[in-house]
Amino acid sequence: MNRWKQIGLSILFTLLCTVVCVYATEPLVVTEEQNGGSVTLTQGQHMTLTLPGNPSTGYQWKVPNSIEAYLTLHDSSYTPGSDRIGAPGHYTFHFEAQTEGTVNLHMAYARSFETGDADSFDLTIEIVHRPADNSGGEGSLGESEKAADPYSSFAQPGKAADPYAAGTEQKKPTDPYSSVAEPKKATDPYPGIPERE
């Protein structure tokens, strides 16, 4: 009987490891080195994109609306590269893969008051189907995985009411970057000293 118990525990351990490997996907980290490349994500998997930038020049990375069906932008932020005023740093964007399919992420580094882009970032993203689990239906997360989601506390753009839904008189803007999420401001390195204008 002891041998059968060991075999049963071995099988149970193997199944548990398989489930953990399938559902505990790490966020994919993408940097400017992948510009022009491609990546594969599983539905529900997170991707962190880090790109260089300097908001003191007026340039910002713009996330297009055309990706909303495939990727959800949870958060974006800017981190200065040093304590010097006006020093370049990097922008970080946190996305979550939603719908199965292929999407081309084209981000433009531009000023809002100028035409044309100073730089761009292109990435082809293939989003593959996430296998069903037994806890809550196809593609749903179990409670333990929901608690482990590092981005679950972020606001979810696209979940709010659509002002352009049927029956409204407004026209949807044609600019693909019109509802760009603004990066968070860096913390003030000199608190208490008023800024010059």
N, C-alpha and C. Protein backbone atom coordinates (compact mmCIF):
# COMPACT_ATOMS: atom_id res chain seq x y z
N MET A 1 0.82 -1.20 0.00
CA MET A 1 0.00 0.00 0.00
C MET A 1 0.87 1.26 0.00
N ASN A 2 2.00 1.21 0.65
CA ASN A 2 2.90 2.36 0.73
C ASN A 2 3.40 2.77 -0.66
N ARG A 3 3.68 1.79 -1.52
CA ARG A 3 4.15 2.07 -2.88
C ARG A 3 3.06 2.80 -3.67
N TRP A 4 1.80 2.38 -3.55
CA TRP A 4 0.71 3.03 -4.26
C TRP A 4 0.52 4.46 -3.77
N LYS A 5 0.76 4.70 -2.51
CA LYS A 5 0.64 6.04 -1.95
C LYS A 5 1.71 6.94 -2.57
N GLN A 6 2.93 6.42 -2.72
CA GLN A 6 4.02 7.20 -3.33
C GLN A 6 3.72 7.51 -4.79
N ILE A 7 3.18 6.51 -5.51
CA ILE A 7 2.84 6.74 -6.92
C ILE A 7 1.74 7.80 -7.03
N GLY A 8 0.73 7.70 -6.19
CA GLY A 8 -0.36 8.68 -6.19
C GLY A 8 0.13 10.08 -5.88
N LEU A 9 1.00 10.20 -4.88
CA LEU A 9 1.56 11.51 -4.54
C LEU A 9 2.42 12.06 -5.67
N SER A 10 3.16 11.20 -6.35
CA SER A 10 4.00 11.63 -7.49
C SER A 10 3.13 12.17 -8.62
N ILE A 11 2.03 11.47 -8.90
CA ILE A 11 1.13 11.92 -9.96
C ILE A 11 0.48 13.24 -9.56
N LEU A 12 0.03 13.34 -8.32
CA LEU A 12 -0.58 14.58 -7.85
C LEU A 12 0.40 15.74 -7.93
N PHE A 13 1.66 15.52 -7.53
CA PHE A 13 2.68 16.56 -7.58
C PHE A 13 2.94 16.99 -9.02
N THR A 14 3.00 16.05 -9.94
CA THR A 14 3.22 16.36 -11.35
C THR A 14 2.07 17.19 -11.91
N LEU A 15 0.84 16.81 -11.60
CA LEU A 15 -0.31 17.58 -12.06
C LEU A 15 -0.31 18.99 -11.48
N LEU A 16 0.02 19.11 -10.20
CA LEU A 16 0.07 20.42 -9.56
C LEU A 16 1.13 21.30 -10.21
N CYS A 17 2.29 20.76 -10.48
CA CYS A 17 3.36 21.53 -11.14
C CYS A 17 2.93 21.97 -12.54
N THR A 18 2.22 21.11 -13.27
CA THR A 18 1.75 21.46 -14.60
C THR A 18 0.76 22.62 -14.53
N VAL A 19 -0.18 22.57 -13.60
CA VAL A 19 -1.17 23.64 -13.46
C VAL A 19 -0.48 24.95 -13.08
N VAL A 20 0.46 24.91 -12.17
CA VAL A 20 1.17 26.12 -11.74
C VAL A 20 1.94 26.71 -12.91
N CYS A 21 2.59 25.86 -13.70
CA CYS A 21 3.37 26.36 -14.85
C CYS A 21 2.47 27.01 -15.89
N VAL A 22 1.27 26.45 -16.11
CA VAL A 22 0.37 26.99 -17.12
C VAL A 22 -0.23 28.32 -16.67
N TYR A 23 -0.63 28.43 -15.40
CA TYR A 23 -1.37 29.61 -14.95
C TYR A 23 -0.53 30.66 -14.25
N ALA A 24 0.63 30.35 -13.80
CA ALA A 24 1.46 31.32 -13.09
C ALA A 24 2.48 31.90 -14.04
N THR A 25 2.02 32.48 -15.14
CA THR A 25 2.93 33.06 -16.12
C THR A 25 3.49 34.37 -15.59
N GLU A 26 4.75 34.53 -15.75
CA GLU A 26 5.44 35.74 -15.32
C GLU A 26 5.14 36.86 -16.31
N PRO A 27 5.15 38.11 -15.84
CA PRO A 27 5.00 39.22 -16.79
C PRO A 27 6.19 39.21 -17.76
N LEU A 28 5.91 39.43 -19.02
CA LEU A 28 6.95 39.51 -20.04
C LEU A 28 7.53 40.92 -20.00
N VAL A 29 8.85 41.02 -19.95
CA VAL A 29 9.51 42.32 -19.92
C VAL A 29 10.06 42.62 -21.32
N VAL A 30 9.63 43.75 -21.88
CA VAL A 30 10.03 44.15 -23.23
C VAL A 30 10.72 45.50 -23.13
N THR A 31 11.83 45.66 -23.86
CA THR A 31 12.57 46.93 -23.88
C THR A 31 12.76 47.39 -25.32
N GLU A 32 13.44 48.51 -25.50
CA GLU A 32 13.64 49.07 -26.84
C GLU A 32 14.43 48.12 -27.75
N GLU A 33 15.16 47.16 -27.18
CA GLU A 33 15.91 46.21 -28.01
C GLU A 33 14.99 45.34 -28.86
N GLN A 34 13.73 45.16 -28.43
CA GLN A 34 12.78 44.33 -29.19
C GLN A 34 12.05 45.13 -30.27
N ASN A 35 12.40 46.39 -30.48
CA ASN A 35 11.76 47.21 -31.50
C ASN A 35 11.84 46.52 -32.85
N GLY A 36 10.67 46.35 -33.49
CA GLY A 36 10.61 45.69 -34.79
C GLY A 36 10.46 44.18 -34.68
N GLY A 37 10.46 43.65 -33.47
CA GLY A 37 10.37 42.21 -33.27
C GLY A 37 8.95 41.74 -32.99
N SER A 38 8.87 40.52 -32.45
CA SER A 38 7.57 39.96 -32.11
C SER A 38 7.68 39.15 -30.83
N VAL A 39 6.56 39.04 -30.11
CA VAL A 39 6.49 38.27 -28.87
C VAL A 39 5.17 37.51 -28.86
N THR A 40 5.09 36.50 -28.01
CA THR A 40 3.87 35.73 -27.82
C THR A 40 3.45 35.82 -26.36
N LEU A 41 2.17 36.14 -26.14
CA LEU A 41 1.60 36.21 -24.80
C LEU A 41 0.43 35.24 -24.71
N THR A 42 0.15 34.79 -23.51
CA THR A 42 -1.04 33.99 -23.23
C THR A 42 -2.12 34.92 -22.74
N GLN A 43 -3.38 34.65 -23.07
CA GLN A 43 -4.48 35.48 -22.58
C GLN A 43 -4.36 35.63 -21.07
N GLY A 44 -4.46 36.86 -20.58
CA GLY A 44 -4.34 37.12 -19.15
C GLY A 44 -2.92 37.41 -18.69
N GLN A 45 -1.94 37.15 -19.54
CA GLN A 45 -0.54 37.39 -19.17
C GLN A 45 -0.24 38.89 -19.25
N HIS A 46 0.61 39.36 -18.37
CA HIS A 46 0.99 40.77 -18.33
C HIS A 46 2.30 40.99 -19.08
N MET A 47 2.43 42.19 -19.64
CA MET A 47 3.65 42.59 -20.34
C MET A 47 4.04 43.97 -19.83
N THR A 48 5.31 44.12 -19.48
CA THR A 48 5.85 45.41 -19.06
C THR A 48 6.77 45.91 -20.16
N LEU A 49 6.46 47.09 -20.70
CA LEU A 49 7.25 47.69 -21.77
C LEU A 49 7.96 48.92 -21.23
N THR A 50 9.29 48.96 -21.38
CA THR A 50 10.08 50.09 -20.89
C THR A 50 10.78 50.73 -22.08
N LEU A 51 10.56 52.05 -22.23
CA LEU A 51 11.15 52.80 -23.34
C LEU A 51 11.81 54.07 -22.82
N PRO A 52 12.90 54.50 -23.46
CA PRO A 52 13.57 55.72 -23.01
C PRO A 52 12.75 56.95 -23.37
N GLY A 53 12.94 58.02 -22.60
CA GLY A 53 12.22 59.24 -22.91
C GLY A 53 12.62 60.37 -21.98
N ASN A 54 12.12 61.57 -22.33
CA ASN A 54 12.40 62.74 -21.52
C ASN A 54 11.23 63.71 -21.66
N PRO A 55 10.30 63.71 -20.69
CA PRO A 55 9.13 64.57 -20.82
C PRO A 55 9.46 66.06 -20.76
N SER A 56 10.64 66.44 -20.26
CA SER A 56 10.98 67.86 -20.19
C SER A 56 11.17 68.46 -21.59
N THR A 57 11.31 67.62 -22.60
CA THR A 57 11.44 68.09 -23.99
C THR A 57 10.08 68.24 -24.66
N GLY A 58 9.02 67.79 -23.97
CA GLY A 58 7.69 67.85 -24.56
C GLY A 58 7.29 66.57 -25.27
N TYR A 59 8.21 65.63 -25.40
CA TYR A 59 7.90 64.37 -26.08
C TYR A 59 7.32 63.37 -25.10
N GLN A 60 6.36 62.59 -25.60
CA GLN A 60 5.74 61.53 -24.80
C GLN A 60 5.46 60.34 -25.71
N TRP A 61 5.49 59.15 -25.13
CA TRP A 61 5.10 57.95 -25.87
C TRP A 61 3.58 57.88 -25.89
N LYS A 62 3.01 57.65 -27.07
CA LYS A 62 1.57 57.59 -27.23
C LYS A 62 1.13 56.15 -27.51
N VAL A 63 0.17 55.68 -26.72
CA VAL A 63 -0.37 54.33 -26.89
C VAL A 63 -1.63 54.44 -27.75
N PRO A 64 -1.69 53.74 -28.89
CA PRO A 64 -2.85 53.87 -29.78
C PRO A 64 -4.09 53.17 -29.23
N ASN A 65 -5.24 53.72 -29.55
CA ASN A 65 -6.52 53.11 -29.15
C ASN A 65 -6.78 51.80 -29.87
N SER A 66 -6.16 51.61 -31.02
CA SER A 66 -6.45 50.44 -31.86
C SER A 66 -6.09 49.11 -31.20
N ILE A 67 -5.37 49.12 -30.11
CA ILE A 67 -4.97 47.87 -29.46
C ILE A 67 -5.94 47.44 -28.36
N GLU A 68 -6.94 48.27 -28.04
CA GLU A 68 -7.81 48.02 -26.89
C GLU A 68 -8.49 46.67 -26.91
N ALA A 69 -8.81 46.12 -28.07
CA ALA A 69 -9.47 44.82 -28.14
C ALA A 69 -8.52 43.69 -27.73
N TYR A 70 -7.23 43.91 -27.87
CA TYR A 70 -6.25 42.86 -27.60
C TYR A 70 -5.48 43.07 -26.30
N LEU A 71 -5.13 44.32 -26.01
CA LEU A 71 -4.31 44.63 -24.83
C LEU A 71 -5.00 45.68 -23.98
N THR A 72 -4.95 45.50 -22.67
CA THR A 72 -5.45 46.51 -21.74
C THR A 72 -4.25 47.21 -21.12
N LEU A 73 -4.21 48.53 -21.21
CA LEU A 73 -3.16 49.31 -20.55
C LEU A 73 -3.61 49.55 -19.12
N HIS A 74 -2.89 48.96 -18.17
CA HIS A 74 -3.25 49.11 -16.75
C HIS A 74 -2.62 50.33 -16.11
N ASP A 75 -1.40 50.65 -16.52
CA ASP A 75 -0.68 51.72 -15.84
C ASP A 75 0.47 52.17 -16.73
N SER A 76 0.84 53.43 -16.58
CA SER A 76 2.05 53.94 -17.22
C SER A 76 2.70 54.92 -16.26
N SER A 77 4.02 54.98 -16.29
CA SER A 77 4.74 55.87 -15.38
C SER A 77 6.05 56.30 -16.02
N TYR A 78 6.63 57.35 -15.46
CA TYR A 78 7.93 57.84 -15.90
C TYR A 78 8.87 57.83 -14.71
N THR A 79 10.09 57.36 -14.94
CA THR A 79 11.13 57.34 -13.90
C THR A 79 12.34 58.09 -14.43
N PRO A 80 12.75 59.19 -13.75
CA PRO A 80 13.93 59.93 -14.22
C PRO A 80 15.18 59.08 -14.06
N GLY A 81 16.15 59.32 -14.95
CA GLY A 81 17.39 58.55 -14.92
C GLY A 81 18.39 59.04 -13.88
N SER A 82 18.21 60.28 -13.39
CA SER A 82 19.10 60.82 -12.37
C SER A 82 18.37 61.94 -11.64
N ASP A 83 19.06 62.55 -10.68
CA ASP A 83 18.47 63.65 -9.91
C ASP A 83 18.58 64.99 -10.63
N ARG A 84 19.28 65.03 -11.75
CA ARG A 84 19.44 66.29 -12.49
C ARG A 84 18.12 66.69 -13.12
N ILE A 85 17.82 67.98 -13.08
CA ILE A 85 16.61 68.49 -13.70
C ILE A 85 16.76 68.36 -15.22
N GLY A 86 15.73 67.80 -15.86
CA GLY A 86 15.74 67.64 -17.32
C GLY A 86 16.49 66.42 -17.81
N ALA A 87 16.99 65.59 -16.90
CA ALA A 87 17.73 64.40 -17.32
C ALA A 87 16.76 63.37 -17.91
N PRO A 88 17.19 62.65 -18.93
CA PRO A 88 16.32 61.63 -19.51
C PRO A 88 16.14 60.45 -18.55
N GLY A 89 15.10 59.71 -18.79
CA GLY A 89 14.82 58.53 -17.97
C GLY A 89 14.10 57.50 -18.83
N HIS A 90 13.10 56.84 -18.25
CA HIS A 90 12.35 55.87 -19.04
C HIS A 90 10.88 55.81 -18.62
N TYR A 91 10.05 55.50 -19.61
CA TYR A 91 8.62 55.30 -19.41
C TYR A 91 8.39 53.81 -19.26
N THR A 92 7.45 53.44 -18.41
CA THR A 92 7.09 52.04 -18.21
C THR A 92 5.59 51.90 -18.41
N PHE A 93 5.19 50.94 -19.23
CA PHE A 93 3.79 50.67 -19.53
C PHE A 93 3.47 49.23 -19.12
N HIS A 94 2.35 49.03 -18.41
CA HIS A 94 1.92 47.70 -17.99
C HIS A 94 0.66 47.31 -18.76
N PHE A 95 0.79 46.28 -19.60
CA PHE A 95 -0.32 45.80 -20.42
C PHE A 95 -0.75 44.41 -19.96
N GLU A 96 -1.99 44.05 -20.30
CA GLU A 96 -2.48 42.68 -20.08
C GLU A 96 -3.09 42.19 -21.38
N ALA A 97 -2.70 40.96 -21.79
CA ALA A 97 -3.23 40.36 -23.01
C ALA A 97 -4.68 39.95 -22.78
N GLN A 98 -5.57 40.29 -23.71
CA GLN A 98 -7.00 40.02 -23.55
C GLN A 98 -7.51 38.98 -24.55
N THR A 99 -7.60 39.38 -25.81
CA THR A 99 -8.26 38.59 -26.84
C THR A 99 -7.24 37.84 -27.69
N GLU A 100 -7.56 36.61 -28.01
CA GLU A 100 -6.69 35.79 -28.85
C GLU A 100 -6.58 36.42 -30.24
N GLY A 101 -5.36 36.46 -30.77
CA GLY A 101 -5.14 37.04 -32.10
C GLY A 101 -3.78 37.70 -32.18
N THR A 102 -3.56 38.43 -33.26
CA THR A 102 -2.29 39.12 -33.47
C THR A 102 -2.57 40.62 -33.59
N VAL A 103 -1.75 41.41 -32.88
CA VAL A 103 -1.92 42.85 -32.90
C VAL A 103 -0.54 43.49 -33.09
N ASN A 104 -0.52 44.57 -33.84
CA ASN A 104 0.72 45.32 -34.03
C ASN A 104 0.68 46.54 -33.12
N LEU A 105 1.57 46.58 -32.16
CA LEU A 105 1.66 47.70 -31.24
C LEU A 105 2.63 48.71 -31.85
N HIS A 106 2.09 49.85 -32.26
CA HIS A 106 2.92 50.94 -32.82
C HIS A 106 2.79 52.12 -31.88
N MET A 107 3.85 52.45 -31.19
CA MET A 107 3.85 53.60 -30.28
C MET A 107 4.72 54.69 -30.86
N ALA A 108 4.19 55.91 -30.83
CA ALA A 108 4.90 57.06 -31.38
C ALA A 108 5.43 57.93 -30.24
N TYR A 109 6.67 58.39 -30.38
CA TYR A 109 7.28 59.32 -29.43
C TYR A 109 7.20 60.68 -30.08
N ALA A 110 6.26 61.51 -29.62
CA ALA A 110 5.98 62.77 -30.32
C ALA A 110 5.53 63.84 -29.34
N ARG A 111 5.51 65.06 -29.86
CA ARG A 111 4.96 66.20 -29.12
C ARG A 111 3.51 66.39 -29.56
N SER A 112 2.66 66.78 -28.62
CA SER A 112 1.24 66.94 -28.95
C SER A 112 1.00 68.11 -29.90
N PHE A 113 1.89 69.07 -29.94
CA PHE A 113 1.68 70.27 -30.74
C PHE A 113 2.42 70.22 -32.08
N GLU A 114 3.04 69.09 -32.42
CA GLU A 114 3.77 68.96 -33.68
C GLU A 114 3.24 67.77 -34.47
N THR A 115 3.43 67.81 -35.78
CA THR A 115 3.11 66.65 -36.60
C THR A 115 4.38 65.85 -36.80
N GLY A 116 4.24 64.58 -36.98
CA GLY A 116 5.39 63.72 -37.17
C GLY A 116 5.90 63.19 -35.83
N ASP A 117 6.65 62.13 -35.91
CA ASP A 117 7.17 61.47 -34.72
C ASP A 117 8.69 61.61 -34.67
N ALA A 118 9.22 61.80 -33.47
CA ALA A 118 10.67 61.83 -33.30
C ALA A 118 11.23 60.42 -33.30
N ASP A 119 10.42 59.46 -32.85
CA ASP A 119 10.85 58.07 -32.76
C ASP A 119 9.59 57.21 -32.73
N SER A 120 9.76 55.93 -32.92
CA SER A 120 8.62 55.03 -32.82
C SER A 120 9.10 53.68 -32.31
N PHE A 121 8.14 52.91 -31.81
CA PHE A 121 8.41 51.56 -31.33
C PHE A 121 7.33 50.66 -31.92
N ASP A 122 7.76 49.57 -32.56
CA ASP A 122 6.83 48.63 -33.18
C ASP A 122 7.09 47.23 -32.65
N LEU A 123 6.00 46.54 -32.29
CA LEU A 123 6.10 45.18 -31.77
C LEU A 123 4.87 44.40 -32.23
N THR A 124 5.09 43.24 -32.83
CA THR A 124 3.99 42.36 -33.21
C THR A 124 3.75 41.41 -32.05
N ILE A 125 2.52 41.37 -31.57
CA ILE A 125 2.19 40.55 -30.41
C ILE A 125 1.16 39.51 -30.81
N GLU A 126 1.51 38.24 -30.62
CA GLU A 126 0.56 37.16 -30.84
C GLU A 126 0.03 36.74 -29.48
N ILE A 127 -1.28 36.76 -29.34
CA ILE A 127 -1.92 36.37 -28.08
C ILE A 127 -2.58 35.01 -28.32
N VAL A 128 -2.13 34.03 -27.53
CA VAL A 128 -2.64 32.67 -27.70
C VAL A 128 -3.67 32.36 -26.63
N HIS A 129 -4.49 31.35 -26.91
CA HIS A 129 -5.57 30.94 -26.03
C HIS A 129 -5.03 30.39 -24.72
N ARG A 130 -5.68 30.79 -23.66
CA ARG A 130 -5.33 30.26 -22.34
C ARG A 130 -6.22 29.06 -22.08
N PRO A 131 -5.64 27.91 -21.72
CA PRO A 131 -6.46 26.72 -21.49
C PRO A 131 -7.48 26.95 -20.38
N ALA A 132 -8.59 26.23 -20.47
CA ALA A 132 -9.64 26.35 -19.46
C ALA A 132 -9.19 25.68 -18.16
N ASP A 133 -9.72 26.18 -17.05
CA ASP A 133 -9.49 25.52 -15.77
C ASP A 133 -10.84 25.05 -15.24
N ASN A 134 -10.85 24.31 -14.16
CA ASN A 134 -12.08 23.76 -13.63
C ASN A 134 -12.70 24.62 -12.54
N SER A 135 -12.08 25.73 -12.18
CA SER A 135 -12.56 26.50 -11.03
C SER A 135 -13.67 27.46 -11.37
N GLY A 136 -13.77 27.92 -12.60
CA GLY A 136 -14.81 28.92 -12.83
C GLY A 136 -15.13 29.13 -14.29
N GLY A 137 -14.89 28.16 -15.12
CA GLY A 137 -15.22 28.32 -16.53
C GLY A 137 -13.99 28.60 -17.35
N GLU A 138 -14.18 28.68 -18.63
CA GLU A 138 -13.07 28.82 -19.56
C GLU A 138 -12.33 30.14 -19.36
N GLY A 139 -11.00 30.03 -19.18
CA GLY A 139 -10.16 31.21 -19.10
C GLY A 139 -10.26 31.98 -17.81
N SER A 140 -11.03 31.52 -16.85
CA SER A 140 -11.17 32.30 -15.62
C SER A 140 -10.03 31.98 -14.67
N LEU A 141 -9.75 32.92 -13.80
CA LEU A 141 -8.71 32.73 -12.81
C LEU A 141 -9.30 32.21 -11.52
N GLY A 142 -8.58 31.32 -10.85
CA GLY A 142 -8.99 30.89 -9.52
C GLY A 142 -8.71 31.99 -8.52
N GLU A 143 -9.25 31.88 -7.32
CA GLU A 143 -9.08 32.93 -6.31
C GLU A 143 -7.61 33.15 -5.97
N SER A 144 -6.83 32.08 -5.90
CA SER A 144 -5.42 32.25 -5.53
C SER A 144 -4.66 33.02 -6.60
N GLU A 145 -5.03 32.80 -7.87
CA GLU A 145 -4.35 33.52 -8.95
C GLU A 145 -4.79 34.98 -9.01
N LYS A 146 -6.05 35.27 -8.67
CA LYS A 146 -6.50 36.65 -8.65
C LYS A 146 -5.75 37.43 -7.58
N ALA A 147 -5.52 36.81 -6.44
CA ALA A 147 -4.80 37.49 -5.36
C ALA A 147 -3.35 37.71 -5.74
N ALA A 148 -2.79 36.85 -6.58
CA ALA A 148 -1.38 36.97 -6.95
C ALA A 148 -1.16 37.93 -8.11
N ASP A 149 -2.22 38.42 -8.74
CA ASP A 149 -2.10 39.32 -9.88
C ASP A 149 -1.48 40.64 -9.43
N PRO A 150 -0.24 40.96 -9.89
CA PRO A 150 0.44 42.16 -9.41
C PRO A 150 -0.20 43.46 -9.89
N TYR A 151 -1.08 43.40 -10.90
CA TYR A 151 -1.66 44.61 -11.44
C TYR A 151 -3.17 44.72 -11.17
N SER A 152 -3.70 43.88 -10.29
CA SER A 152 -5.14 43.84 -10.09
C SER A 152 -5.70 45.11 -9.48
N SER A 153 -4.86 45.92 -8.82
CA SER A 153 -5.37 47.13 -8.18
C SER A 153 -5.38 48.33 -9.13
N PHE A 154 -4.87 48.17 -10.36
CA PHE A 154 -4.84 49.29 -11.30
C PHE A 154 -6.23 49.54 -11.88
N ALA A 155 -6.48 50.79 -12.22
CA ALA A 155 -7.73 51.12 -12.91
C ALA A 155 -7.70 50.44 -14.26
N GLN A 156 -8.84 50.08 -14.77
CA GLN A 156 -8.89 49.37 -16.03
C GLN A 156 -9.56 50.24 -17.09
N PRO A 157 -8.72 50.87 -17.94
CA PRO A 157 -9.30 51.67 -19.01
C PRO A 157 -10.16 50.79 -19.90
N GLY A 158 -11.19 51.35 -20.45
CA GLY A 158 -12.06 50.58 -21.34
C GLY A 158 -13.22 49.94 -20.59
N LYS A 159 -13.20 49.92 -19.28
CA LYS A 159 -14.27 49.34 -18.50
C LYS A 159 -15.34 50.38 -18.18
N ALA A 160 -15.01 51.65 -18.38
CA ALA A 160 -15.97 52.72 -18.11
C ALA A 160 -16.98 52.79 -19.25
N ALA A 161 -18.05 53.53 -19.04
CA ALA A 161 -19.07 53.68 -20.07
C ALA A 161 -18.47 54.33 -21.30
N ASP A 162 -18.87 53.84 -22.46
CA ASP A 162 -18.36 54.36 -23.72
C ASP A 162 -19.19 55.58 -24.14
N PRO A 163 -18.56 56.79 -24.17
CA PRO A 163 -19.32 57.98 -24.54
C PRO A 163 -19.72 57.98 -26.01
N TYR A 164 -19.18 57.06 -26.81
CA TYR A 164 -19.47 57.02 -28.23
C TYR A 164 -20.39 55.85 -28.58
N ALA A 165 -21.03 55.27 -27.58
CA ALA A 165 -21.92 54.13 -27.81
C ALA A 165 -23.09 54.56 -28.68
N ALA A 166 -23.79 53.56 -29.22
CA ALA A 166 -24.93 53.84 -30.09
C ALA A 166 -25.95 54.69 -29.36
N GLY A 167 -26.55 55.63 -30.06
CA GLY A 167 -27.57 56.48 -29.48
C GLY A 167 -27.04 57.81 -28.98
N THR A 168 -25.73 58.03 -29.02
CA THR A 168 -25.19 59.31 -28.61
C THR A 168 -24.89 60.13 -29.85
N GLU A 169 -24.80 61.42 -29.68
CA GLU A 169 -24.61 62.31 -30.81
C GLU A 169 -23.14 62.61 -31.09
N GLN A 170 -22.24 62.24 -30.18
CA GLN A 170 -20.82 62.57 -30.36
C GLN A 170 -20.21 61.69 -31.45
N LYS A 171 -19.20 62.26 -32.13
CA LYS A 171 -18.44 61.49 -33.10
C LYS A 171 -17.13 61.08 -32.45
N LYS A 172 -16.71 59.88 -32.74
CA LYS A 172 -15.46 59.37 -32.19
C LYS A 172 -14.30 60.08 -32.88
N PRO A 173 -13.28 60.54 -32.13
CA PRO A 173 -12.15 61.21 -32.75
C PRO A 173 -11.41 60.26 -33.70
N THR A 174 -10.82 60.80 -34.75
CA THR A 174 -10.10 59.97 -35.70
C THR A 174 -8.64 59.81 -35.33
N ASP A 175 -8.13 60.64 -34.44
CA ASP A 175 -6.73 60.54 -34.01
C ASP A 175 -6.56 59.28 -33.18
N PRO A 176 -5.72 58.31 -33.61
CA PRO A 176 -5.58 57.06 -32.86
C PRO A 176 -4.94 57.26 -31.49
N TYR A 177 -4.36 58.42 -31.23
CA TYR A 177 -3.70 58.65 -29.95
C TYR A 177 -4.49 59.64 -29.09
N SER A 178 -5.77 59.86 -29.40
CA SER A 178 -6.53 60.90 -28.72
C SER A 178 -6.80 60.62 -27.25
N SER A 179 -6.84 59.37 -26.84
CA SER A 179 -7.09 59.10 -25.42
C SER A 179 -5.88 58.42 -24.80
N VAL A 180 -4.73 59.00 -25.02
CA VAL A 180 -3.48 58.46 -24.52
C VAL A 180 -3.43 58.62 -23.00
N ALA A 181 -3.02 57.55 -22.34
CA ALA A 181 -2.85 57.64 -20.89
C ALA A 181 -1.61 58.47 -20.60
N GLU A 182 -1.77 59.52 -19.83
CA GLU A 182 -0.65 60.38 -19.50
C GLU A 182 0.22 59.71 -18.44
N PRO A 183 1.53 59.75 -18.58
CA PRO A 183 2.39 59.17 -17.56
C PRO A 183 2.29 59.96 -16.27
N LYS A 184 2.57 59.28 -15.18
CA LYS A 184 2.56 59.96 -13.90
C LYS A 184 3.75 60.89 -13.80
N LYS A 185 3.60 62.00 -13.09
CA LYS A 185 4.69 62.94 -12.91
C LYS A 185 5.71 62.34 -11.95
N ALA A 186 6.95 62.62 -12.20
CA ALA A 186 8.01 62.19 -11.29
C ALA A 186 7.89 63.00 -10.00
N THR A 187 8.36 62.42 -8.92
CA THR A 187 8.30 63.14 -7.65
C THR A 187 9.23 64.34 -7.69
N ASP A 188 8.86 65.37 -6.98
CA ASP A 188 9.62 66.62 -6.96
C ASP A 188 10.89 66.42 -6.14
N PRO A 189 12.08 66.54 -6.77
CA PRO A 189 13.32 66.34 -6.02
C PRO A 189 13.62 67.50 -5.07
N TYR A 190 12.94 68.63 -5.25
CA TYR A 190 13.16 69.80 -4.40
C TYR A 190 11.82 70.26 -3.80
N PRO A 191 11.29 69.50 -2.84
CA PRO A 191 9.99 69.89 -2.29
C PRO A 191 10.10 71.24 -1.54
N GLY A 192 9.05 72.01 -1.64
CA GLY A 192 9.02 73.29 -0.95
C GLY A 192 9.56 74.45 -1.78
N ILE A 193 10.23 74.17 -2.89
CA ILE A 193 10.77 75.24 -3.74
C ILE A 193 9.83 75.38 -4.92
N PRO A 194 9.24 76.56 -5.13
CA PRO A 194 8.27 76.72 -6.21
C PRO A 194 8.96 76.57 -7.57
N GLU A 195 8.20 76.02 -8.52
CA GLU A 195 8.73 75.85 -9.87
C GLU A 195 8.67 77.15 -10.64
N ARG A 196 9.64 77.36 -11.52
CA ARG A 196 9.62 78.52 -12.41
C ARG A 196 8.76 78.20 -13.60
N GLU A 197 8.17 79.21 -14.16
CA GLU A 197 7.37 78.99 -15.36
C GLU A 197 8.01 79.62 -16.55
